[in-house]
C-alpha cells in the first residue's frame, strides 16, 4: 500500500499527495520491477520522497502478494539490482504461499476436529503401530477414560476385552495390508468394568507417498440393541415351543403372528 514513510533503506512506499505524478503509483501499476536514480522531486516544502528508488512486485500466479521497495542506496541502481531483488521477491511469494497453505490446513484441521469432537459416533484414531492418537468425546463417555489416559496406548490392550485382543490385532494387521474398510463388532471394557458391544467400521488414511498415516475407526454402541435382540429370540423360542396359543395382530386387526399351538 502507498502510505506512511520509510525511515530506512527498506520499507513501505512514501505517502502520495494530490494527483501529481508519483513513483509510488507507478510501482503499484507496474507488473515488473524498475529503478529510478533521479525520481521526481516533491512539491516545495515537502521532504524528499527518495534519492534513488528500486522496486519489484511479488506475484503468486496473477495475484500480487506484495511489493518490495529499496530506497536511497549510496550508488545508482542497475538491472543487476532488479534481478537480485526479483529473486528475493520470488522467495517472499513462496513464503506467502506456504503461510496461506498452513492457515488453510489449520482451518481444515480445526473444522474436522470440531466435527469429530461433537459427533455422536465413537471416533478412534490409531497410528500405524496401533497406538491411540485420537479419542473423541463419545469415546470418553463410553469408556469412562479421558484422552490423556489412553493416548499412546494400544487399543486392543487397554480398551478391548482381553479375550478379543488377539482377534483385534489380526484385524488391524488386515487393515494395514490393504483390506479397508473393515466392519466388525467388539467388546469395550469401560472404567467401571461394564462391557459395551461396539459395531466398528475402520479404514486407513494415507499420505502423499501412499503410506498409511492413521487408521480411523468409527463405532456405534449397539449394546442395548443386541440385548433387545437376545431377549426377543428368547421370547420367540418360548412362544414357538409353549403349549399356549399366541396370536398377534396389528392395529387394524390383521394377523401378524400365530404360534404352532394356536388352533387358527
Protein backbone atom coordinates (compact mmCIF):
# COMPACT_ATOMS: atom_id res chain seq x y z
CA UNK A 1 0.00 0.00 0.00
CA UNK A 2 1.10 3.59 -0.56
CA UNK A 3 1.02 5.03 2.91
CA UNK A 4 3.39 6.21 5.62
CA UNK A 5 7.06 6.96 5.00
CA UNK A 6 10.04 4.65 5.11
CA UNK A 7 12.68 5.58 7.68
CA UNK A 8 15.35 3.28 6.28
CA UNK A 9 16.64 1.70 3.08
CA UNK A 10 13.89 -0.98 3.19
CA UNK A 11 10.23 -0.25 3.76
CA UNK A 12 6.82 0.74 2.50
CA UNK A 13 6.15 3.49 -0.01
CA UNK A 14 6.05 7.14 0.99
CA UNK A 15 2.66 8.80 1.14
CA UNK A 16 1.12 10.04 -2.14
CA UNK A 17 -0.34 13.56 -2.03
CA UNK A 18 -2.72 15.09 -4.56
CA UNK A 19 -2.92 13.89 -8.14
CA UNK A 20 0.62 14.71 -9.16
CA UNK A 21 2.94 12.12 -10.61
CA UNK A 22 4.10 9.59 -8.03
CA UNK A 23 6.75 6.92 -8.31
CA UNK A 24 4.74 5.02 -5.74
CA UNK A 25 1.74 4.99 -8.04
CA UNK A 26 3.95 3.90 -10.93
CA UNK A 27 5.16 0.93 -8.90
CA UNK A 28 1.66 -0.20 -7.98
CA UNK A 29 0.58 -0.08 -11.65
CA UNK A 30 3.64 -1.89 -12.96
CA UNK A 31 3.80 -5.67 -13.26
CA UNK A 32 7.58 -5.62 -13.46
CA UNK A 33 10.36 -4.16 -11.37
CA UNK A 34 12.08 -0.89 -12.16
CA UNK A 35 14.52 1.60 -10.70
CA UNK A 36 14.83 5.37 -10.83
CA UNK A 37 18.05 7.05 -9.81
CA UNK A 38 16.59 10.55 -10.21
CA UNK A 39 12.96 10.38 -9.06
CA UNK A 40 10.70 13.40 -9.43
CA UNK A 41 11.20 15.87 -6.61
CA UNK A 42 8.26 16.65 -4.31
CA UNK A 43 6.42 19.96 -4.15
CA UNK A 44 8.07 22.88 -2.38
CA UNK A 45 8.24 22.48 1.37
CA UNK A 46 7.90 18.67 1.43
CA UNK A 47 10.54 16.19 2.45
CA UNK A 48 12.23 14.33 -0.44
CA UNK A 49 10.49 11.07 -1.32
CA UNK A 50 13.69 9.26 -2.28
CA UNK A 51 17.11 9.99 -3.69
CA UNK A 52 17.08 6.65 -5.51
CA UNK A 53 14.25 4.15 -5.89
CA UNK A 54 14.17 0.40 -6.69
CA UNK A 55 11.07 -1.80 -6.57
CA UNK A 56 9.97 -5.30 -7.62
CA UNK A 57 6.46 -6.79 -7.23
CA UNK A 58 5.92 -10.26 -5.74
CA UNK A 59 3.39 -12.48 -7.52
CA UNK A 60 1.73 -15.84 -6.97
CA UNK A 61 0.43 -16.56 -10.43
CA UNK A 62 -1.60 -13.47 -11.32
CA UNK A 63 -2.11 -12.48 -7.70
CA UNK A 64 0.15 -9.68 -6.42
CA UNK A 65 1.01 -10.57 -2.85
CA UNK A 66 3.47 -7.78 -2.09
CA UNK A 67 5.83 -5.09 -3.31
CA UNK A 68 9.46 -4.89 -2.25
CA UNK A 69 10.98 -1.41 -2.20
CA UNK A 70 14.59 -0.34 -1.66
CA UNK A 71 15.42 3.36 -1.18
CA UNK A 72 18.42 5.65 -1.06
CA UNK A 73 21.33 3.41 -1.99
CA UNK A 74 24.76 5.08 -1.86
CA UNK A 75 25.18 4.21 -5.53
CA UNK A 76 22.89 4.18 -8.53
CA UNK A 77 20.69 1.12 -9.01
CA UNK A 78 21.17 -1.10 -12.08
CA UNK A 79 19.42 -4.02 -13.86
CA UNK A 80 21.57 -6.35 -11.79
CA UNK A 81 19.88 -4.98 -8.66
CA UNK A 82 16.45 -5.67 -10.19
CA UNK A 83 17.46 -9.30 -10.84
CA UNK A 84 18.69 -9.73 -7.28
CA UNK A 85 15.55 -8.16 -5.83
CA UNK A 86 13.36 -10.27 -8.13
CA UNK A 87 14.88 -13.43 -6.64
CA UNK A 88 14.08 -12.11 -3.18
CA UNK A 89 10.51 -11.37 -4.32
CA UNK A 90 10.14 -14.98 -5.52
CA UNK A 91 11.21 -16.28 -2.13
CA UNK A 92 8.85 -13.86 -0.43
CA UNK A 93 5.95 -15.07 -2.64
CA UNK A 94 6.77 -18.70 -1.82
CA UNK A 95 6.77 -17.80 1.86
CA UNK A 96 3.33 -16.24 1.49
CA UNK A 97 2.13 -19.37 -0.34
CA UNK A 98 3.38 -21.62 2.46
CA UNK A 99 1.76 -19.36 5.05
CA UNK A 100 -1.57 -19.46 3.22
CA UNK A 101 -1.36 -23.24 2.92
CA UNK A 102 -0.54 -23.53 6.62
CA UNK A 103 -3.52 -21.36 7.58
CA UNK A 104 -5.85 -23.27 5.24
CA UNK A 105 -4.62 -26.60 6.61
CA UNK A 106 -5.12 -25.43 10.19
CA UNK A 107 -8.64 -24.19 9.41
CA UNK A 108 -9.49 -27.52 7.79
CA UNK A 109 -8.00 -29.47 10.68
CA UNK A 110 -9.86 -27.38 13.26
CA UNK A 111 -13.10 -27.87 11.32
CA UNK A 112 -12.67 -31.66 11.17
CA UNK A 113 -11.65 -31.86 14.83
CA UNK A 114 -14.72 -29.84 15.84
CA UNK A 115 -16.98 -32.24 13.94
CA UNK A 116 -15.30 -35.34 15.36
CA UNK A 117 -15.31 -33.95 18.89
CA UNK A 118 -19.07 -33.40 18.86
CA UNK A 119 -20.12 -36.38 16.70
CA UNK A 120 -22.42 -38.88 18.46
CA UNK A 121 -20.47 -41.81 16.99
CA UNK A 122 -17.30 -43.08 18.61
CA UNK A 123 -14.21 -41.95 16.67
CA UNK A 124 -10.91 -43.66 17.43
CA UNK A 125 -7.69 -42.71 15.60
CA UNK A 126 -4.66 -45.02 15.68
CA UNK A 127 -1.12 -44.61 14.36
CA UNK A 128 0.38 -47.32 12.08
CA UNK A 129 1.58 -49.22 15.15
CA UNK A 130 -1.90 -49.33 16.68
CA UNK A 131 -1.37 -46.70 19.37
CA UNK A 132 -4.23 -44.31 20.17
CA UNK A 133 -3.67 -40.77 18.85
CA UNK A 134 -7.30 -39.59 18.65
CA UNK A 135 -10.24 -40.19 21.00
CA UNK A 136 -13.41 -38.11 20.73
CA UNK A 137 -15.91 -37.20 23.45
CA UNK A 138 -18.21 -40.08 22.60
CA UNK A 139 -15.30 -42.46 23.22
CA UNK A 140 -14.61 -40.79 26.54
CA UNK A 141 -18.26 -41.13 27.56
CA UNK A 142 -18.48 -44.81 26.54
CA UNK A 143 -15.17 -45.85 28.11
CA UNK A 144 -15.04 -43.58 31.13
CA UNK A 145 -11.45 -42.63 30.21
CA UNK A 146 -10.17 -39.23 29.10
CA UNK A 147 -7.89 -38.87 26.09
CA UNK A 148 -4.87 -38.15 28.31
CA UNK A 149 -5.30 -41.60 29.90
CA UNK A 150 -5.44 -43.55 26.65
CA UNK A 151 -3.06 -41.54 24.41
CA UNK A 152 -0.16 -43.68 23.18
CA UNK A 153 -1.66 -46.96 24.40
CA UNK A 154 -2.55 -49.89 22.16
CA UNK A 155 -6.34 -50.04 21.71
CA UNK A 156 -6.53 -53.85 21.97
CA UNK A 157 -4.57 -53.88 25.21
CA UNK A 158 -6.25 -51.01 27.03
CA UNK A 159 -9.86 -50.94 25.87
CA UNK A 160 -10.76 -54.28 24.31
CA UNK A 161 -11.97 -57.34 26.20
CA UNK A 162 -8.87 -59.47 26.96
CA UNK A 163 -10.45 -62.43 25.20
CA UNK A 164 -10.67 -60.42 21.96
CA UNK A 165 -7.23 -58.79 21.99
CA UNK A 166 -5.61 -61.22 19.56
CA UNK A 167 -8.56 -61.02 17.16
CA UNK A 168 -8.36 -57.20 17.26
CA UNK A 169 -4.65 -57.31 16.42
CA UNK A 170 -5.33 -59.60 13.45
CA UNK A 171 -8.00 -57.19 12.17
CA UNK A 172 -5.55 -54.30 12.50
CA UNK A 173 -2.94 -56.26 10.51
CA UNK A 174 -5.50 -56.85 7.74
CA UNK A 175 -6.22 -53.11 7.62
CA UNK A 176 -2.53 -52.32 7.21
CA UNK A 177 -2.34 -54.94 4.45
CA UNK A 178 -4.95 -53.07 2.43
CA UNK A 179 -8.21 -54.75 3.48
CA UNK A 180 -10.04 -51.49 4.13
CA UNK A 181 -12.68 -50.65 5.04
CA UNK A 182 -13.48 -53.39 7.55
CA UNK A 183 -16.58 -53.76 9.73
CA UNK A 184 -16.67 -55.82 12.91
CA UNK A 185 -18.09 -55.97 16.43
CA UNK A 186 -16.03 -55.95 19.56
CA UNK A 187 -16.35 -55.58 23.31
CA UNK A 188 -15.08 -52.49 25.09
CA UNK A 189 -14.37 -52.67 28.80
CA UNK A 190 -15.24 -49.37 30.47
CA UNK A 191 -13.51 -47.95 33.52
CA UNK A 192 -16.31 -49.27 35.76
CA UNK A 193 -15.94 -52.79 34.33
CA UNK A 194 -19.09 -52.65 32.19
CA UNK A 195 -18.70 -54.31 28.80
CA UNK A 196 -20.09 -52.40 25.84
CA UNK A 197 -20.59 -54.02 22.44
CA UNK A 198 -19.38 -51.70 19.69
CA UNK A 199 -20.01 -52.02 15.95
CA UNK A 200 -16.90 -50.66 14.25
CA UNK A 201 -16.13 -49.55 10.71
CA UNK A 202 -12.43 -48.91 10.10
CA UNK A 203 -10.42 -47.51 7.23
CA UNK A 204 -6.95 -46.12 6.61
CA UNK A 205 -5.72 -42.60 5.92
CA UNK A 206 -2.75 -42.39 3.54
CA UNK A 207 -0.20 -39.64 2.92
CA UNK A 208 1.28 -38.29 -0.31
CA UNK A 209 3.66 -41.25 -0.61
CA UNK A 210 0.71 -43.69 -0.26
CA UNK A 211 2.00 -44.81 3.13
CA UNK A 212 -0.60 -45.33 5.85
CA UNK A 213 -0.59 -42.45 8.31
CA UNK A 214 -3.53 -43.40 10.51
CA UNK A 215 -6.32 -45.90 10.98
CA UNK A 216 -9.70 -44.25 11.54
CA UNK A 217 -12.35 -46.32 13.34
CA UNK A 218 -15.93 -45.08 13.83
CA UNK A 219 -18.15 -47.04 16.16
CA UNK A 220 -21.74 -47.31 17.32
CA UNK A 221 -22.65 -48.63 20.75
CA UNK A 222 -25.07 -51.47 19.97
CA UNK A 223 -25.15 -52.94 23.47
CA UNK A 224 -28.85 -52.19 24.07
CA UNK A 225 -29.76 -53.31 20.55
CA UNK A 226 -28.03 -56.65 20.93
CA UNK A 227 -29.58 -57.15 24.40
CA UNK A 228 -33.03 -56.46 22.95
CA UNK A 229 -32.37 -58.91 20.10
CA UNK A 230 -31.31 -61.59 22.60
CA UNK A 231 -34.48 -61.07 24.65
CA UNK A 232 -36.61 -61.20 21.50
CA UNK A 233 -35.03 -64.51 20.48
CA UNK A 234 -35.73 -65.98 23.92
CA UNK A 235 -39.33 -64.76 23.78
CA UNK A 236 -39.78 -66.13 20.27
CA UNK A 237 -38.49 -69.59 21.27
CA UNK A 238 -40.84 -69.56 24.26
CA UNK A 239 -43.83 -68.73 22.07
CA UNK A 240 -42.86 -71.28 19.43
CA UNK A 241 -42.47 -74.15 21.88
CA UNK A 242 -45.06 -73.25 24.52
CA UNK A 243 -48.40 -75.08 24.92
CA UNK A 244 -50.43 -71.89 24.98
CA UNK A 245 -51.98 -70.27 21.92
CA UNK A 246 -50.37 -66.96 20.92
CA UNK A 247 -51.99 -64.73 18.31
CA UNK A 248 -50.67 -61.26 17.44
CA UNK A 249 -52.45 -58.69 15.29
CA UNK A 250 -51.59 -55.21 14.13
CA UNK A 251 -53.59 -52.05 14.89
CA UNK A 252 -56.08 -52.91 12.12
CA UNK A 253 -56.76 -56.39 13.43
CA UNK A 254 -54.70 -58.14 10.76
CA UNK A 255 -52.87 -61.25 11.96
CA UNK A 256 -49.11 -60.83 12.10
CA UNK A 257 -48.12 -63.90 14.15
CA UNK A 258 -49.67 -67.22 15.11
CA UNK A 259 -47.66 -69.77 17.09
CA UNK A 260 -47.80 -73.53 16.45
CA UNK A 261 -50.04 -74.17 19.50
CA UNK A 262 -52.77 -71.88 18.15
CA UNK A 263 -55.81 -73.61 16.59
CA UNK A 264 -56.07 -70.87 13.94
